[in-house]
Amino acid sequence: MKALVAGVQEKLAALQATLSDREERLGVCQTRVEELEQQLQSKLQEQQATKKKLEATHSIYQALRKKLQLQ
């Protein structure tokens, strides 16, 4: 009976170690996901700013083109 209990305790300890390792890996993965989300958000903001600049430049171009055509 003691051998059975010892075997179960040994397996439980191994499972707890595995769980601990996986929880640690999960934490690392979650941190990396957060970092990637921040990078994506930053890139999105950059692209939105670039789009606004391009739209403004295009509007200026169109206005100048129209002005030149009227002359």
Foldseek 3Di string as FASTA:
>chain_A
DVVVVVVVVVVVVVVVVVVVVVVVVVVVVVVVVVVVVVVVVVVVVVVVVVVVVVVVVVVVVVVVVVVVVVD
